[in-house]
């Protein structure tokens, strides 16, 4: 029985050499957690060596803004950006801004859709009218390709936004898409049922690709998009052919509920959370199995990861005696976040990323990548986690 392909890259069975980073969803919780991981990746010189950054939902806010500011980063001879604070400070402004409630109220009582208002909020704070074309050009190997993932509800597969093209393997591709970064990120973070869908008009020609069976209207005139995490909540599909995969997961901890809500809205949210949790667990298991088989090198870290699982002898940040579980329970919202919570999330992202790197990026891989990973001396922000 033939296996149905799941992505544009499915036909390419050969691994491509290169390091990738996947940033999961999880609202502002994910956006801020990933900042800490990026800080540590930059500190060890890995950020500048990435070939692709794939993101979904809240992770796409972080990724898209990093992509927009990439040209402004000042990398030294070791490949470490000396002014990474420009990325941190911009994203903290986003974390200071509540989006979801205002977008819902505005979408109900004012002209325009909820997704339009989410995109407008992203644009006002972060993107200022910039488009996918303003992401860095990866063709020369001097910058990673940034892939912002959404889910095409019409074709039921992953829809990717990037500088060179957007589309999916069933509909086809739009080359050099004239799409605002804020729109791409709003599509990627259109969490159902409240913020979804985002309807994207397609005004440019759609190029057919092999296996495309939906290359006709209405599929080629508009795309009805939802959160990228609906299809791929870790952002793995668009990096699976690469040899070394780094994965940052800010997935929420799902607590048991003695008396779940019975109204359709809150009950639907609970069901979606359970589905997301199970699919995330399956994808994580497949990823770890691939590491263990030697299909890929790399490492995974998550907001729910236990530091002790890495079995490290050096614990310079005293992580064994700190509790991170409350951070994983922060709701998946686009809601203003207190600065002390931002600090704790970034510190934990930094610390658990460091632990994963020291545990699984061995000396031979470090030598191949031209980096040296030594234990950190302190958290990047006050207060620990």
Protein backbone atom coordinates (compact mmCIF):
# COMPACT_ATOMS: atom_id res chain seq x y z
CA UNK A 1 0.00 0.00 0.00
CA UNK A 2 1.58 3.33 -1.01
CA UNK A 3 2.22 5.87 1.73
CA UNK A 4 0.60 9.26 1.21
CA UNK A 5 3.16 12.09 1.17
CA UNK A 6 2.80 14.68 3.90
CA UNK A 7 4.89 17.58 2.67
CA UNK A 8 6.65 19.21 -0.28
CA UNK A 9 9.91 17.56 0.81
CA UNK A 10 8.47 14.06 1.05
CA UNK A 11 9.92 12.94 -2.27
CA UNK A 12 13.46 13.81 -1.16
CA UNK A 13 14.62 10.76 0.77
CA UNK A 14 18.23 11.95 1.02
CA UNK A 15 19.27 13.85 4.12
CA UNK A 16 20.69 17.28 3.48
CA UNK A 17 23.62 18.37 5.61
CA UNK A 18 22.76 21.27 7.87
CA UNK A 19 21.47 22.33 11.28
CA UNK A 20 17.83 23.33 11.70
CA UNK A 21 15.78 24.77 14.54
CA UNK A 22 12.08 24.11 15.12
CA UNK A 23 10.07 26.44 17.35
CA UNK A 24 6.76 25.10 18.66
CA UNK A 25 3.56 26.95 19.37
CA UNK A 26 2.05 28.03 22.66
CA UNK A 27 1.03 31.69 22.45
CA UNK A 28 3.14 34.22 24.33
CA UNK A 29 4.40 31.41 26.57
CA UNK A 30 6.15 29.91 23.54
CA UNK A 31 7.24 33.26 22.11
CA UNK A 32 9.07 34.18 25.31
CA UNK A 33 10.42 30.70 26.17
CA UNK A 34 12.04 30.48 22.73
CA UNK A 35 13.82 33.81 23.28
CA UNK A 36 15.79 32.19 26.09
CA UNK A 37 16.71 29.23 23.88
CA UNK A 38 17.84 31.58 21.09
CA UNK A 39 20.01 33.47 23.57
CA UNK A 40 21.85 30.27 24.47
CA UNK A 41 22.15 29.16 20.84
CA UNK A 42 23.67 32.53 20.00
CA UNK A 43 25.99 32.36 23.00
CA UNK A 44 27.53 29.07 21.81
CA UNK A 45 27.71 30.19 18.17
CA UNK A 46 24.98 27.90 16.83
CA UNK A 47 22.46 30.56 15.82
CA UNK A 48 24.58 31.81 12.93
CA UNK A 49 25.13 28.24 11.71
CA UNK A 50 21.45 27.38 11.30
CA UNK A 51 20.32 26.47 7.81
CA UNK A 52 16.57 26.62 8.43
CA UNK A 53 14.26 27.85 11.17
CA UNK A 54 10.77 26.31 11.09
CA UNK A 55 8.04 27.67 13.33
CA UNK A 56 4.40 27.32 14.23
CA UNK A 57 1.94 29.51 16.13
CA UNK A 58 3.54 31.47 18.99
CA UNK A 59 6.95 30.28 17.85
CA UNK A 60 6.35 32.07 14.56
CA UNK A 61 6.14 35.44 16.32
CA UNK A 62 9.68 34.89 17.61
CA UNK A 63 10.99 33.42 14.37
CA UNK A 64 9.54 36.05 12.05
CA UNK A 65 10.87 38.91 14.15
CA UNK A 66 14.29 37.27 14.34
CA UNK A 67 14.19 36.95 10.55
CA UNK A 68 13.24 40.59 10.12
CA UNK A 69 16.11 41.76 12.36
CA UNK A 70 18.67 39.28 11.02
CA UNK A 71 20.30 41.87 8.76
CA UNK A 72 20.86 44.10 11.80
CA UNK A 73 22.61 41.45 13.91
CA UNK A 74 26.35 42.01 14.29
CA UNK A 75 28.06 38.61 14.29
CA UNK A 76 31.65 38.42 15.48
CA UNK A 77 34.34 36.07 14.18
CA UNK A 78 32.92 33.21 16.25
CA UNK A 79 29.45 33.68 14.75
CA UNK A 80 27.92 35.22 17.87
CA UNK A 81 25.62 38.23 17.55
CA UNK A 82 26.89 40.93 19.89
CA UNK A 83 23.64 42.91 19.77
CA UNK A 84 21.02 40.18 20.17
CA UNK A 85 19.23 42.46 22.62
CA UNK A 86 17.56 44.16 19.63
CA UNK A 87 15.59 40.95 19.09
CA UNK A 88 14.88 40.45 22.78
CA UNK A 89 13.68 44.02 23.35
CA UNK A 90 11.35 43.99 20.34
CA UNK A 91 9.70 40.73 21.39
CA UNK A 92 9.32 41.97 24.95
CA UNK A 93 7.27 44.86 23.58
CA UNK A 94 4.99 42.26 21.99
CA UNK A 95 4.73 40.41 25.31
CA UNK A 96 3.70 43.73 26.90
CA UNK A 97 0.71 43.92 24.52
CA UNK A 98 -2.59 42.05 24.88
CA UNK A 99 -3.94 40.95 21.51
CA UNK A 100 -6.46 38.14 21.71
CA UNK A 101 -9.31 39.69 23.74
CA UNK A 102 -9.21 42.98 21.83
CA UNK A 103 -9.14 41.12 18.52
CA UNK A 104 -12.16 39.02 19.47
CA UNK A 105 -14.20 42.00 20.66
CA UNK A 106 -13.22 44.08 17.64
CA UNK A 107 -13.99 41.22 15.28
CA UNK A 108 -17.48 40.89 16.73
CA UNK A 109 -18.50 44.54 16.91
CA UNK A 110 -16.38 46.28 14.24
CA UNK A 111 -15.72 45.75 10.52
CA UNK A 112 -13.06 43.17 9.68
CA UNK A 113 -12.29 39.72 11.04
CA UNK A 114 -10.62 38.58 14.24
CA UNK A 115 -7.59 37.40 12.26
CA UNK A 116 -7.34 40.81 10.57
CA UNK A 117 -7.08 42.44 13.99
CA UNK A 118 -4.47 39.97 15.23
CA UNK A 119 -2.38 40.68 12.12
CA UNK A 120 -2.79 44.43 12.66
CA UNK A 121 -1.58 44.13 16.26
CA UNK A 122 1.50 42.17 15.19
CA UNK A 123 2.18 44.74 12.50
CA UNK A 124 1.82 47.72 14.84
CA UNK A 125 4.25 46.35 17.43
CA UNK A 126 6.75 44.27 15.42
CA UNK A 127 6.60 44.27 11.65
CA UNK A 128 5.63 47.78 10.50
CA UNK A 129 4.41 46.74 7.07
CA UNK A 130 7.35 44.46 6.26
CA UNK A 131 6.73 41.47 4.01
CA UNK A 132 8.05 37.96 3.44
CA UNK A 133 10.49 39.53 0.97
CA UNK A 134 12.11 41.30 3.94
CA UNK A 135 13.25 38.00 5.44
CA UNK A 136 16.91 37.21 4.73
CA UNK A 137 17.94 35.59 1.44
CA UNK A 138 19.26 32.11 2.26
CA UNK A 139 20.48 31.30 -1.25
CA UNK A 140 24.08 32.26 -0.47
CA UNK A 141 24.23 30.30 2.77
CA UNK A 142 24.83 33.41 4.88
CA UNK A 143 21.45 33.25 6.60
CA UNK A 144 18.91 30.56 7.45
CA UNK A 145 15.65 30.16 5.58
CA UNK A 146 12.74 31.13 7.79
CA UNK A 147 9.66 28.94 7.28
CA UNK A 148 6.42 30.05 8.92
CA UNK A 149 3.92 27.19 9.01
CA UNK A 150 0.13 27.31 8.94
CA UNK A 151 -2.51 24.67 8.22
CA UNK A 152 -4.55 24.84 5.02
CA UNK A 153 -8.06 23.88 6.09
CA UNK A 154 -9.13 23.40 2.45
CA UNK A 155 -6.38 20.95 1.46
CA UNK A 156 -5.92 19.59 5.01
CA UNK A 157 -2.11 19.80 4.79
CA UNK A 158 0.68 22.09 5.93
CA UNK A 159 0.91 25.49 4.24
CA UNK A 160 4.33 27.12 4.42
CA UNK A 161 5.27 30.79 4.11
CA UNK A 162 8.85 31.72 3.22
CA UNK A 163 10.72 34.35 1.25
CA UNK A 164 11.09 32.28 -1.96
CA UNK A 165 7.58 30.79 -2.01
CA UNK A 166 4.39 29.91 -0.17
CA UNK A 167 1.92 27.09 -0.66
CA UNK A 168 1.45 23.39 -0.10
CA UNK A 169 2.05 20.20 -2.04
CA UNK A 170 -1.61 19.72 -3.01
CA UNK A 171 -2.37 23.25 -4.26
CA UNK A 172 1.01 24.33 -5.64
CA UNK A 173 3.40 27.19 -4.96
CA UNK A 174 3.34 30.96 -5.26
CA UNK A 175 6.83 32.24 -6.03
CA UNK A 176 8.12 35.42 -4.31
CA UNK A 177 4.82 35.86 -2.42
CA UNK A 178 3.68 39.43 -1.84
CA UNK A 179 2.41 38.79 1.70
CA UNK A 180 2.87 40.81 4.87
CA UNK A 181 4.90 39.16 7.63
CA UNK A 182 2.14 40.03 10.07
CA UNK A 183 -0.38 38.14 7.93
CA UNK A 184 1.83 35.05 7.75
CA UNK A 185 2.34 35.07 11.52
CA UNK A 186 -1.38 35.66 12.17
CA UNK A 187 -2.19 32.64 10.00
CA UNK A 188 0.41 30.53 11.79
CA UNK A 189 -1.02 31.53 15.20
CA UNK A 190 -4.74 31.42 14.30
CA UNK A 191 -5.60 29.04 17.12
CA UNK A 192 -9.08 27.50 16.75
CA UNK A 193 -11.87 28.05 17.42
CA UNK A 194 -11.52 31.72 18.41
CA UNK A 195 -8.70 33.11 16.24
CA UNK A 196 -9.22 30.77 13.27
CA UNK A 197 -9.49 30.95 10.30
CA UNK A 198 -7.49 33.51 8.35
CA UNK A 199 -8.57 33.73 4.72
CA UNK A 200 -5.64 34.63 2.48
CA UNK A 201 -6.45 35.97 -1.01
CA UNK A 202 -4.10 34.53 -3.65
CA UNK A 203 -3.54 37.16 -6.34
CA UNK A 204 -0.33 35.76 -7.86
CA UNK A 205 0.09 32.80 -10.21
CA UNK A 206 0.19 29.36 -8.58
CA UNK A 207 2.94 27.11 -9.94
CA UNK A 208 2.01 23.42 -10.19
CA UNK A 209 4.19 20.92 -8.35
CA UNK A 210 4.45 17.15 -8.55
CA UNK A 211 1.48 15.43 -6.87
CA UNK A 212 -0.58 18.66 -6.78
CA UNK A 213 -4.18 17.50 -7.20
CA UNK A 214 -5.88 20.76 -6.16
CA UNK A 215 -4.31 23.21 -8.59
CA UNK A 216 -7.60 24.86 -9.52
CA UNK A 217 -10.05 27.42 -8.12
CA UNK A 218 -11.13 27.91 -5.39
CA UNK A 219 -7.92 26.41 -3.97
CA UNK A 220 -5.72 28.68 -6.10
CA UNK A 221 -7.68 31.89 -5.48
CA UNK A 222 -7.69 31.90 -1.68
CA UNK A 223 -6.39 29.80 1.18
CA UNK A 224 -8.38 29.27 4.37
CA UNK A 225 -5.69 28.92 7.01
CA UNK A 226 -5.52 27.93 10.66
CA UNK A 227 -2.83 27.57 13.29
CA UNK A 228 0.25 25.68 12.10
CA UNK A 229 0.06 23.53 15.21
CA UNK A 230 -3.19 21.97 14.00
CA UNK A 231 -1.10 19.95 11.52
CA UNK A 232 2.42 20.01 12.98
CA UNK A 233 2.70 21.39 16.50
CA UNK A 234 6.50 21.06 16.69
CA UNK A 235 7.37 22.47 13.27
CA UNK A 236 9.14 19.29 12.16
CA UNK A 237 7.69 18.67 8.70
CA UNK A 238 9.69 21.32 6.86
CA UNK A 239 13.05 20.30 8.38
CA UNK A 240 12.81 16.52 8.34
CA UNK A 241 15.30 16.02 5.50
CA UNK A 242 18.12 17.83 7.33
CA UNK A 243 20.84 15.95 9.20
CA UNK A 244 20.92 17.87 12.50
CA UNK A 245 17.65 18.96 14.11
CA UNK A 246 17.26 21.15 17.17
CA UNK A 247 13.73 21.34 18.58
CA UNK A 248 12.40 23.82 21.15
CA UNK A 249 9.00 22.83 22.56
CA UNK A 250 6.90 25.19 24.69
CA UNK A 251 3.86 22.92 24.75
CA UNK A 252 1.51 23.49 27.68
CA UNK A 253 1.14 21.08 30.56
CA UNK A 254 -2.41 19.66 30.48
CA UNK A 255 -3.84 19.19 33.95
CA UNK A 256 -6.62 16.77 34.82
CA UNK A 257 -10.08 18.30 35.27
CA UNK A 258 -12.62 16.76 37.62
CA UNK A 259 -15.54 18.59 36.04
CA UNK A 260 -14.74 19.75 32.48
CA UNK A 261 -16.84 22.55 31.00
CA UNK A 262 -19.87 21.41 29.02
CA UNK A 263 -20.56 24.58 27.01
CA UNK A 264 -19.46 24.29 23.39
CA UNK A 265 -16.74 26.97 23.47
CA UNK A 266 -14.79 25.92 26.54
CA UNK A 267 -15.43 22.23 25.91
CA UNK A 268 -14.05 22.63 22.36
CA UNK A 269 -10.93 24.32 23.72
CA UNK A 270 -10.41 21.46 26.16
CA UNK A 271 -10.79 18.88 23.39
CA UNK A 272 -8.31 20.76 21.19
CA UNK A 273 -5.83 20.92 24.07
CA UNK A 274 -6.09 17.16 24.61
CA UNK A 275 -5.61 16.47 20.89
CA UNK A 276 -2.63 18.84 20.75
CA UNK A 277 -1.07 17.19 23.79
CA UNK A 278 -1.40 13.69 22.31
CA UNK A 279 -0.15 14.61 18.83
CA UNK A 280 2.76 16.51 20.37
CA UNK A 281 3.67 13.45 22.44
CA UNK A 282 3.60 11.24 19.33
CA UNK A 283 5.77 13.62 17.32
CA UNK A 284 8.21 13.94 20.20
CA UNK A 285 8.42 10.15 20.47
CA UNK A 286 9.09 9.84 16.73
CA UNK A 287 11.78 12.51 16.96
CA UNK A 288 13.55 10.84 19.90
CA UNK A 289 13.35 7.48 18.11
CA UNK A 290 14.99 9.07 15.06
CA UNK A 291 17.80 10.41 17.25
CA UNK A 292 18.31 7.00 18.85
CA UNK A 293 18.35 5.19 15.47
CA UNK A 294 20.93 7.64 14.18
CA UNK A 295 18.63 8.99 11.46
CA UNK A 296 19.42 12.49 12.72
CA UNK A 297 21.74 14.16 15.16
CA UNK A 298 20.56 17.01 17.35
CA UNK A 299 18.55 17.45 20.50
CA UNK A 300 15.11 18.28 21.89
CA UNK A 301 14.27 20.47 24.87
CA UNK A 302 10.87 21.38 26.23
CA UNK A 303 9.26 23.64 28.76
CA UNK A 304 8.06 20.47 30.51
CA UNK A 305 11.44 18.71 30.37
CA UNK A 306 12.96 17.59 33.67
CA UNK A 307 16.54 18.87 33.93
CA UNK A 308 17.57 15.65 35.71
CA UNK A 309 16.67 13.62 32.61
CA UNK A 310 19.82 14.90 30.88
CA UNK A 311 22.03 13.30 33.58
CA UNK A 312 24.58 16.11 33.51
CA UNK A 313 27.34 16.27 36.09
CA UNK A 314 27.65 20.05 35.86
CA UNK A 315 24.68 22.08 37.11
CA UNK A 316 26.02 25.64 37.29
CA UNK A 317 22.54 27.22 37.38
CA UNK A 318 21.28 24.89 40.15
CA UNK A 319 18.45 23.62 37.95
CA UNK A 320 18.08 20.38 39.90
CA UNK A 321 16.60 22.34 42.80
CA UNK A 322 14.28 24.60 40.81
CA UNK A 323 10.73 23.91 39.65
CA UNK A 324 9.66 24.75 36.11
CA UNK A 325 6.22 23.10 36.09
CA UNK A 326 4.30 26.34 36.84
CA UNK A 327 5.77 27.91 33.69
CA UNK A 328 4.43 25.06 31.56
CA UNK A 329 0.95 25.72 32.98
CA UNK A 330 0.81 29.34 31.74
CA UNK A 331 -2.28 29.53 29.48
CA UNK A 332 -1.89 29.61 25.71
CA UNK A 333 -2.87 33.24 25.21
CA UNK A 334 -1.78 36.37 23.38
CA UNK A 335 -2.16 38.32 26.60
CA UNK A 336 0.11 40.87 28.28
CA UNK A 337 2.69 39.06 30.39
CA UNK A 338 4.27 40.52 33.56
CA UNK A 339 8.00 41.23 33.24
CA UNK A 340 8.97 38.87 36.05
CA UNK A 341 7.16 36.03 34.25
CA UNK A 342 8.90 36.97 31.01
CA UNK A 343 12.24 36.80 32.82
CA UNK A 344 11.47 33.39 34.30
CA UNK A 345 10.35 31.95 30.96
CA UNK A 346 13.43 33.25 29.14
CA UNK A 347 15.73 31.98 31.90
CA UNK A 348 14.15 28.53 31.75
CA UNK A 349 14.34 28.42 27.95
CA UNK A 350 18.01 29.38 28.24
CA UNK A 351 18.77 26.80 30.94
CA UNK A 352 16.99 23.81 29.44
CA UNK A 353 18.35 24.55 25.95
CA UNK A 354 21.83 24.64 27.48
CA UNK A 355 21.26 21.30 29.22
CA UNK A 356 20.06 19.67 25.99
CA UNK A 357 23.04 21.00 24.03
CA UNK A 358 25.60 19.86 26.61
CA UNK A 359 23.96 16.43 26.87
CA UNK A 360 23.54 15.63 23.17
CA UNK A 361 25.81 17.78 21.01
CA UNK A 362 28.97 15.74 21.53
CA UNK A 363 32.57 16.79 20.95
CA UNK A 364 32.73 15.40 17.41
CA UNK A 365 29.58 17.26 16.34
CA UNK A 366 30.82 20.43 18.03
CA UNK A 367 34.07 20.11 16.10
CA UNK A 368 32.17 19.58 12.86
CA UNK A 369 30.06 22.67 13.53
CA UNK A 370 33.03 24.74 14.65
CA UNK A 371 31.66 25.49 18.11
CA UNK A 372 32.58 24.77 21.72
CA UNK A 373 29.84 24.38 24.32
CA UNK A 374 30.90 25.16 27.88
CA UNK A 375 28.57 25.48 30.90
CA UNK A 376 27.03 28.93 31.44
CA UNK A 377 27.87 30.99 34.50
CA UNK A 378 24.57 32.76 35.13
CA UNK A 379 21.03 33.32 33.89
CA UNK A 380 20.58 36.06 31.28
CA UNK A 381 17.86 37.79 33.35
CA UNK A 382 17.38 38.38 37.08
CA UNK A 383 15.26 36.10 39.23
CA UNK A 384 16.07 32.62 37.94
CA UNK A 385 12.86 30.76 37.11
